[in-house]
N, C-alpha and C. Protein backbone atom coordinates (compact mmCIF):
# COMPACT_ATOMS: atom_id res chain seq x y z
N GLN A 1 -7.27 -14.13 31.84
CA GLN A 1 -6.11 -14.73 32.47
C GLN A 1 -6.44 -16.16 32.89
N VAL A 2 -5.50 -17.05 32.68
CA VAL A 2 -5.67 -18.46 33.04
C VAL A 2 -4.61 -18.82 34.06
N GLN A 3 -5.04 -19.50 35.10
CA GLN A 3 -4.11 -20.01 36.09
C GLN A 3 -4.14 -21.53 36.08
N LEU A 4 -2.96 -22.13 36.09
CA LEU A 4 -2.82 -23.58 36.01
C LEU A 4 -1.88 -24.06 37.10
N GLN A 5 -2.25 -25.14 37.76
CA GLN A 5 -1.41 -25.70 38.81
C GLN A 5 -1.42 -27.22 38.71
N GLU A 6 -0.26 -27.77 38.36
CA GLU A 6 -0.13 -29.22 38.24
C GLU A 6 0.19 -29.88 39.58
N SER A 7 -0.17 -31.15 39.68
CA SER A 7 0.21 -31.97 40.84
C SER A 7 0.19 -33.42 40.42
N GLY A 8 0.75 -34.28 41.26
CA GLY A 8 0.68 -35.71 41.01
C GLY A 8 1.93 -36.37 40.49
N GLY A 9 2.96 -35.57 40.22
CA GLY A 9 4.20 -36.17 39.75
C GLY A 9 4.88 -36.98 40.83
N GLY A 10 5.90 -37.73 40.43
CA GLY A 10 6.64 -38.51 41.41
C GLY A 10 7.58 -39.47 40.72
N SER A 11 8.08 -40.41 41.51
CA SER A 11 9.01 -41.41 41.00
C SER A 11 8.36 -42.78 41.04
N VAL A 12 8.44 -43.50 39.92
CA VAL A 12 7.88 -44.84 39.84
C VAL A 12 8.85 -45.73 39.07
N GLN A 13 8.65 -47.02 39.20
CA GLN A 13 9.44 -47.97 38.43
C GLN A 13 8.78 -48.20 37.08
N SER A 14 9.59 -48.68 36.16
CA SER A 14 9.10 -48.98 34.82
C SER A 14 7.90 -49.93 34.91
N GLY A 15 6.86 -49.61 34.14
CA GLY A 15 5.63 -50.41 34.18
C GLY A 15 4.60 -49.88 35.14
N GLY A 16 4.98 -48.92 35.96
CA GLY A 16 4.07 -48.36 36.94
C GLY A 16 3.14 -47.31 36.36
N SER A 17 2.33 -46.72 37.25
CA SER A 17 1.33 -45.74 36.83
C SER A 17 1.40 -44.50 37.71
N LEU A 18 0.99 -43.38 37.11
CA LEU A 18 0.83 -42.13 37.84
C LEU A 18 -0.35 -41.40 37.24
N LYS A 19 -1.00 -40.55 38.05
CA LYS A 19 -2.07 -39.72 37.53
C LYS A 19 -1.76 -38.27 37.87
N LEU A 20 -1.61 -37.46 36.84
CA LEU A 20 -1.35 -36.04 37.01
C LEU A 20 -2.66 -35.27 37.01
N SER A 21 -2.68 -34.19 37.77
CA SER A 21 -3.84 -33.30 37.80
C SER A 21 -3.41 -31.88 37.52
N CYS A 22 -4.33 -31.11 36.96
CA CYS A 22 -4.06 -29.70 36.69
C CYS A 22 -5.32 -28.91 37.04
N ALA A 23 -5.25 -28.13 38.09
CA ALA A 23 -6.36 -27.26 38.46
C ALA A 23 -6.31 -26.02 37.59
N ALA A 24 -7.43 -25.72 36.92
CA ALA A 24 -7.44 -24.65 35.93
C ALA A 24 -8.55 -23.64 36.20
N SER A 25 -8.30 -22.42 35.77
CA SER A 25 -9.32 -21.38 35.81
C SER A 25 -9.13 -20.50 34.59
N GLY A 26 -10.22 -19.96 34.05
CA GLY A 26 -10.11 -19.09 32.89
C GLY A 26 -10.44 -19.82 31.59
N ASP A 27 -9.77 -19.42 30.52
CA ASP A 27 -10.02 -19.94 29.18
C ASP A 27 -9.50 -21.37 29.07
N THR A 28 -10.41 -22.32 29.08
CA THR A 28 -10.00 -23.73 28.99
C THR A 28 -10.57 -24.38 27.74
N ARG A 29 -10.69 -23.61 26.65
CA ARG A 29 -11.21 -24.20 25.41
C ARG A 29 -10.34 -25.35 24.97
N CYS A 30 -9.03 -25.16 24.99
CA CYS A 30 -8.08 -26.22 24.70
C CYS A 30 -7.26 -26.45 25.96
N MET A 31 -7.16 -27.70 26.35
CA MET A 31 -6.30 -28.07 27.47
C MET A 31 -5.34 -29.13 26.97
N ALA A 32 -4.12 -29.07 27.46
CA ALA A 32 -3.10 -29.98 26.95
C ALA A 32 -2.06 -30.31 28.01
N TRP A 33 -1.41 -31.44 27.79
CA TRP A 33 -0.23 -31.82 28.57
C TRP A 33 0.97 -31.84 27.62
N PHE A 34 2.04 -31.23 28.07
CA PHE A 34 3.32 -31.27 27.38
C PHE A 34 4.36 -31.82 28.35
N ARG A 35 5.51 -32.20 27.81
CA ARG A 35 6.60 -32.64 28.68
C ARG A 35 7.92 -32.21 28.07
N GLN A 36 8.90 -32.07 28.95
CA GLN A 36 10.24 -31.69 28.52
C GLN A 36 11.27 -32.44 29.34
N ALA A 37 12.06 -33.23 28.64
CA ALA A 37 13.14 -33.96 29.28
C ALA A 37 14.42 -33.12 29.21
N PRO A 38 15.37 -33.34 30.11
CA PRO A 38 16.61 -32.55 30.09
C PRO A 38 17.30 -32.63 28.74
N GLY A 39 17.65 -31.47 28.18
CA GLY A 39 18.36 -31.42 26.92
C GLY A 39 17.49 -31.63 25.69
N LYS A 40 16.19 -31.74 25.89
CA LYS A 40 15.28 -31.96 24.76
C LYS A 40 14.25 -30.84 24.68
N GLU A 41 13.65 -30.71 23.51
CA GLU A 41 12.60 -29.72 23.33
C GLU A 41 11.31 -30.17 24.00
N ARG A 42 10.49 -29.18 24.36
CA ARG A 42 9.18 -29.50 24.92
C ARG A 42 8.33 -30.16 23.84
N GLU A 43 7.64 -31.23 24.20
CA GLU A 43 6.83 -31.94 23.22
C GLU A 43 5.41 -32.13 23.74
N GLY A 44 4.47 -32.14 22.81
CA GLY A 44 3.08 -32.36 23.18
C GLY A 44 2.83 -33.82 23.52
N VAL A 45 2.02 -34.04 24.54
CA VAL A 45 1.68 -35.39 24.98
C VAL A 45 0.24 -35.71 24.62
N ALA A 46 -0.68 -34.83 25.00
CA ALA A 46 -2.10 -35.07 24.75
C ALA A 46 -2.87 -33.77 24.89
N THR A 47 -4.00 -33.68 24.15
CA THR A 47 -4.87 -32.52 24.25
C THR A 47 -6.32 -32.97 24.34
N ILE A 48 -7.18 -32.06 24.81
CA ILE A 48 -8.60 -32.38 24.90
C ILE A 48 -9.43 -31.12 24.68
N HIS A 49 -10.55 -31.31 23.95
CA HIS A 49 -11.50 -30.22 23.72
C HIS A 49 -12.88 -30.85 23.60
N THR A 50 -13.76 -30.54 24.51
CA THR A 50 -15.13 -31.09 24.57
C THR A 50 -15.12 -32.60 24.35
N GLY A 51 -14.17 -33.26 24.98
CA GLY A 51 -14.09 -34.71 24.90
C GLY A 51 -13.30 -35.25 23.73
N ASN A 52 -12.98 -34.40 22.76
CA ASN A 52 -12.18 -34.85 21.61
C ASN A 52 -10.71 -34.76 21.98
N THR A 53 -10.00 -35.86 21.79
CA THR A 53 -8.62 -35.94 22.25
C THR A 53 -7.63 -36.15 21.10
N VAL A 54 -6.39 -35.77 21.38
CA VAL A 54 -5.27 -36.01 20.49
C VAL A 54 -4.12 -36.52 21.34
N TYR A 55 -3.42 -37.54 20.86
CA TYR A 55 -2.29 -38.10 21.60
C TYR A 55 -1.05 -38.16 20.72
N ALA A 56 0.10 -37.97 21.33
CA ALA A 56 1.36 -38.23 20.65
C ALA A 56 1.48 -39.75 20.45
N ASP A 57 2.09 -40.14 19.35
CA ASP A 57 2.24 -41.56 19.05
C ASP A 57 2.96 -42.30 20.18
N SER A 58 3.88 -41.64 20.83
CA SER A 58 4.70 -42.29 21.85
C SER A 58 3.92 -42.66 23.11
N VAL A 59 2.73 -42.08 23.29
CA VAL A 59 1.96 -42.36 24.50
C VAL A 59 0.60 -43.00 24.22
N LYS A 60 0.25 -43.16 22.96
CA LYS A 60 -1.05 -43.77 22.61
C LYS A 60 -1.17 -45.14 23.25
N ASP A 61 -2.37 -45.43 23.74
CA ASP A 61 -2.70 -46.71 24.38
C ASP A 61 -2.07 -46.86 25.76
N ARG A 62 -1.31 -45.87 26.22
CA ARG A 62 -0.74 -45.92 27.57
C ARG A 62 -1.25 -44.76 28.44
N PHE A 63 -1.43 -43.61 27.84
CA PHE A 63 -1.86 -42.42 28.57
C PHE A 63 -3.30 -42.07 28.20
N THR A 64 -4.03 -41.51 29.16
CA THR A 64 -5.39 -41.06 28.91
C THR A 64 -5.58 -39.67 29.50
N ILE A 65 -6.00 -38.74 28.64
CA ILE A 65 -6.29 -37.38 29.09
C ILE A 65 -7.79 -37.27 29.34
N SER A 66 -8.16 -36.59 30.40
CA SER A 66 -9.57 -36.40 30.71
C SER A 66 -9.75 -35.07 31.43
N GLN A 67 -11.01 -34.68 31.54
CA GLN A 67 -11.32 -33.35 32.08
C GLN A 67 -12.58 -33.43 32.92
N ASP A 68 -12.55 -32.88 34.11
CA ASP A 68 -13.73 -32.78 34.96
C ASP A 68 -14.12 -31.31 35.00
N ASN A 69 -15.10 -30.95 34.21
CA ASN A 69 -15.47 -29.53 34.10
C ASN A 69 -16.06 -28.99 35.41
N ALA A 70 -16.73 -29.86 36.16
CA ALA A 70 -17.31 -29.41 37.43
C ALA A 70 -16.22 -29.00 38.41
N LYS A 71 -15.09 -29.68 38.33
CA LYS A 71 -13.97 -29.39 39.23
C LYS A 71 -12.92 -28.51 38.58
N ASN A 72 -13.13 -28.15 37.29
CA ASN A 72 -12.14 -27.36 36.55
C ASN A 72 -10.75 -27.99 36.64
N THR A 73 -10.72 -29.29 36.43
CA THR A 73 -9.47 -30.03 36.58
C THR A 73 -9.21 -30.89 35.36
N LEU A 74 -7.98 -30.87 34.92
CA LEU A 74 -7.49 -31.70 33.82
C LEU A 74 -6.66 -32.82 34.41
N TYR A 75 -6.77 -34.01 33.81
CA TYR A 75 -6.03 -35.16 34.31
C TYR A 75 -5.21 -35.80 33.19
N LEU A 76 -4.17 -36.52 33.60
CA LEU A 76 -3.43 -37.37 32.68
C LEU A 76 -3.12 -38.66 33.42
N GLN A 77 -3.82 -39.72 33.05
CA GLN A 77 -3.55 -41.05 33.61
C GLN A 77 -2.45 -41.69 32.78
N MET A 78 -1.36 -42.03 33.43
CA MET A 78 -0.21 -42.60 32.73
C MET A 78 0.02 -44.01 33.21
N ASN A 79 -0.14 -44.97 32.32
CA ASN A 79 0.08 -46.38 32.63
C ASN A 79 1.26 -46.92 31.84
N SER A 80 1.76 -48.08 32.26
CA SER A 80 2.88 -48.73 31.57
C SER A 80 4.02 -47.74 31.33
N LEU A 81 4.37 -47.02 32.35
CA LEU A 81 5.40 -45.99 32.21
C LEU A 81 6.75 -46.59 31.87
N LYS A 82 7.50 -45.84 31.06
CA LYS A 82 8.82 -46.25 30.60
C LYS A 82 9.84 -45.21 31.05
N PRO A 83 11.10 -45.60 31.16
CA PRO A 83 12.14 -44.61 31.52
C PRO A 83 12.14 -43.40 30.59
N GLU A 84 11.82 -43.60 29.32
CA GLU A 84 11.81 -42.48 28.38
C GLU A 84 10.65 -41.51 28.60
N ASP A 85 9.73 -41.85 29.51
CA ASP A 85 8.67 -40.92 29.88
C ASP A 85 9.14 -39.92 30.94
N THR A 86 10.34 -40.12 31.45
CA THR A 86 10.88 -39.22 32.46
C THR A 86 11.00 -37.81 31.90
N ALA A 87 10.38 -36.85 32.57
CA ALA A 87 10.37 -35.47 32.10
C ALA A 87 9.63 -34.60 33.10
N MET A 88 9.73 -33.29 32.89
CA MET A 88 8.85 -32.36 33.58
C MET A 88 7.58 -32.27 32.74
N TYR A 89 6.44 -32.45 33.37
CA TYR A 89 5.16 -32.41 32.67
C TYR A 89 4.45 -31.10 32.97
N TYR A 90 3.98 -30.46 31.90
CA TYR A 90 3.34 -29.16 32.00
C TYR A 90 1.89 -29.22 31.50
N CYS A 91 1.04 -28.52 32.20
CA CYS A 91 -0.32 -28.31 31.77
C CYS A 91 -0.35 -27.00 30.97
N ALA A 92 -1.13 -26.97 29.88
CA ALA A 92 -1.20 -25.77 29.05
C ALA A 92 -2.65 -25.50 28.65
N ALA A 93 -2.94 -24.22 28.41
CA ALA A 93 -4.29 -23.82 28.01
C ALA A 93 -4.23 -22.49 27.28
N GLY A 94 -5.39 -22.06 26.77
CA GLY A 94 -5.47 -20.72 26.21
C GLY A 94 -5.19 -20.61 24.73
N ARG A 95 -5.84 -21.46 23.95
CA ARG A 95 -5.80 -21.29 22.50
C ARG A 95 -7.09 -21.89 21.94
N PRO A 96 -7.51 -21.48 20.76
CA PRO A 96 -8.73 -22.05 20.19
C PRO A 96 -8.46 -23.40 19.53
N PRO A 97 -9.47 -24.26 19.46
CA PRO A 97 -9.32 -25.51 18.72
C PRO A 97 -9.32 -25.25 17.22
N ILE A 98 -8.91 -26.24 16.47
CA ILE A 98 -8.95 -26.13 15.01
C ILE A 98 -9.78 -27.28 14.45
N LEU A 99 -10.34 -27.06 13.26
CA LEU A 99 -11.18 -28.07 12.62
C LEU A 99 -10.29 -29.05 11.87
N ASP A 100 -10.39 -30.35 12.21
CA ASP A 100 -9.55 -31.32 11.52
C ASP A 100 -10.24 -31.83 10.27
N LYS A 101 -9.58 -32.74 9.55
CA LYS A 101 -10.07 -33.21 8.25
C LYS A 101 -11.40 -33.94 8.35
N SER A 102 -11.68 -34.48 9.54
CA SER A 102 -12.95 -35.20 9.71
C SER A 102 -14.07 -34.29 10.20
N GLY A 103 -13.78 -32.99 10.29
CA GLY A 103 -14.82 -32.04 10.69
C GLY A 103 -15.02 -31.93 12.18
N VAL A 104 -14.05 -32.38 12.96
CA VAL A 104 -14.13 -32.32 14.41
C VAL A 104 -13.14 -31.28 14.93
N PHE A 105 -13.60 -30.47 15.87
CA PHE A 105 -12.70 -29.48 16.48
C PHE A 105 -11.79 -30.19 17.49
N ARG A 106 -10.50 -30.04 17.32
CA ARG A 106 -9.53 -30.63 18.24
C ARG A 106 -8.43 -29.61 18.54
N CYS A 107 -7.73 -29.86 19.60
CA CYS A 107 -6.63 -28.98 19.99
C CYS A 107 -5.31 -29.60 19.54
N PRO A 108 -4.48 -28.84 18.86
CA PRO A 108 -3.26 -29.41 18.29
C PRO A 108 -2.16 -29.62 19.31
N LEU A 109 -1.24 -30.50 18.97
CA LEU A 109 -0.07 -30.78 19.82
C LEU A 109 1.08 -29.85 19.45
N VAL A 110 0.78 -28.58 19.41
CA VAL A 110 1.80 -27.59 19.11
C VAL A 110 2.03 -26.75 20.35
N LYS A 111 3.16 -26.06 20.39
CA LYS A 111 3.51 -25.33 21.60
C LYS A 111 2.84 -23.97 21.74
N GLU A 112 2.02 -23.59 20.79
CA GLU A 112 1.44 -22.24 20.81
C GLU A 112 0.22 -22.18 21.72
N TYR A 113 0.45 -22.42 22.99
CA TYR A 113 -0.57 -22.22 24.02
C TYR A 113 -0.14 -20.99 24.82
N ASN A 114 -1.10 -20.22 25.25
CA ASN A 114 -0.77 -18.95 25.88
C ASN A 114 -0.44 -19.06 27.37
N TYR A 115 -0.91 -20.11 28.00
CA TYR A 115 -0.74 -20.22 29.44
C TYR A 115 -0.15 -21.58 29.79
N TRP A 116 0.76 -21.55 30.77
CA TRP A 116 1.46 -22.75 31.18
C TRP A 116 1.54 -22.83 32.69
N GLY A 117 1.47 -24.06 33.21
CA GLY A 117 1.70 -24.26 34.62
C GLY A 117 3.18 -24.32 34.91
N GLN A 118 3.51 -24.53 36.19
CA GLN A 118 4.91 -24.57 36.62
C GLN A 118 5.56 -25.91 36.37
N GLY A 119 4.76 -26.93 36.16
CA GLY A 119 5.30 -28.25 35.87
C GLY A 119 5.34 -29.16 37.08
N THR A 120 5.30 -30.46 36.81
CA THR A 120 5.45 -31.47 37.85
C THR A 120 6.36 -32.56 37.30
N GLN A 121 7.32 -32.99 38.10
CA GLN A 121 8.35 -33.92 37.64
C GLN A 121 7.86 -35.35 37.71
N VAL A 122 8.09 -36.08 36.63
CA VAL A 122 7.82 -37.51 36.57
C VAL A 122 9.15 -38.22 36.27
N THR A 123 9.51 -39.15 37.13
CA THR A 123 10.74 -39.91 36.95
C THR A 123 10.42 -41.39 36.97
N VAL A 124 10.83 -42.08 35.90
CA VAL A 124 10.57 -43.51 35.78
C VAL A 124 11.91 -44.23 35.75
N SER A 125 12.11 -45.13 36.68
CA SER A 125 13.37 -45.86 36.77
C SER A 125 13.20 -47.27 36.19
N SER A 126 14.29 -47.76 35.63
CA SER A 126 14.23 -49.09 35.01
C SER A 126 14.48 -50.20 36.01
């Protein structure tokens, strides 16, 4: 069983920054951040596995996913935030990594994760 608890959401102006945290326990082979805006499907934002990361094109060079194994905590540093980043952000875990074409194990940006947190709201105003 995996338990996940997000924190750190809030309201910021366009161009601002926020750092999300996810306290995790259990199977953390793959850890990921997803988001869901009103009326839209949940989409993958970033994943991490033993330091190997994957990012959605929409957040590359603005967001950074990281993991503190000693604290069992996942982070998402979000910089240069845009109004279109407004969404509920979810922490996810509980799936195995897959081997990519370069021979590196990474966690995919797909929704097939077994465990999800309750979410934390991020609102970016223009």
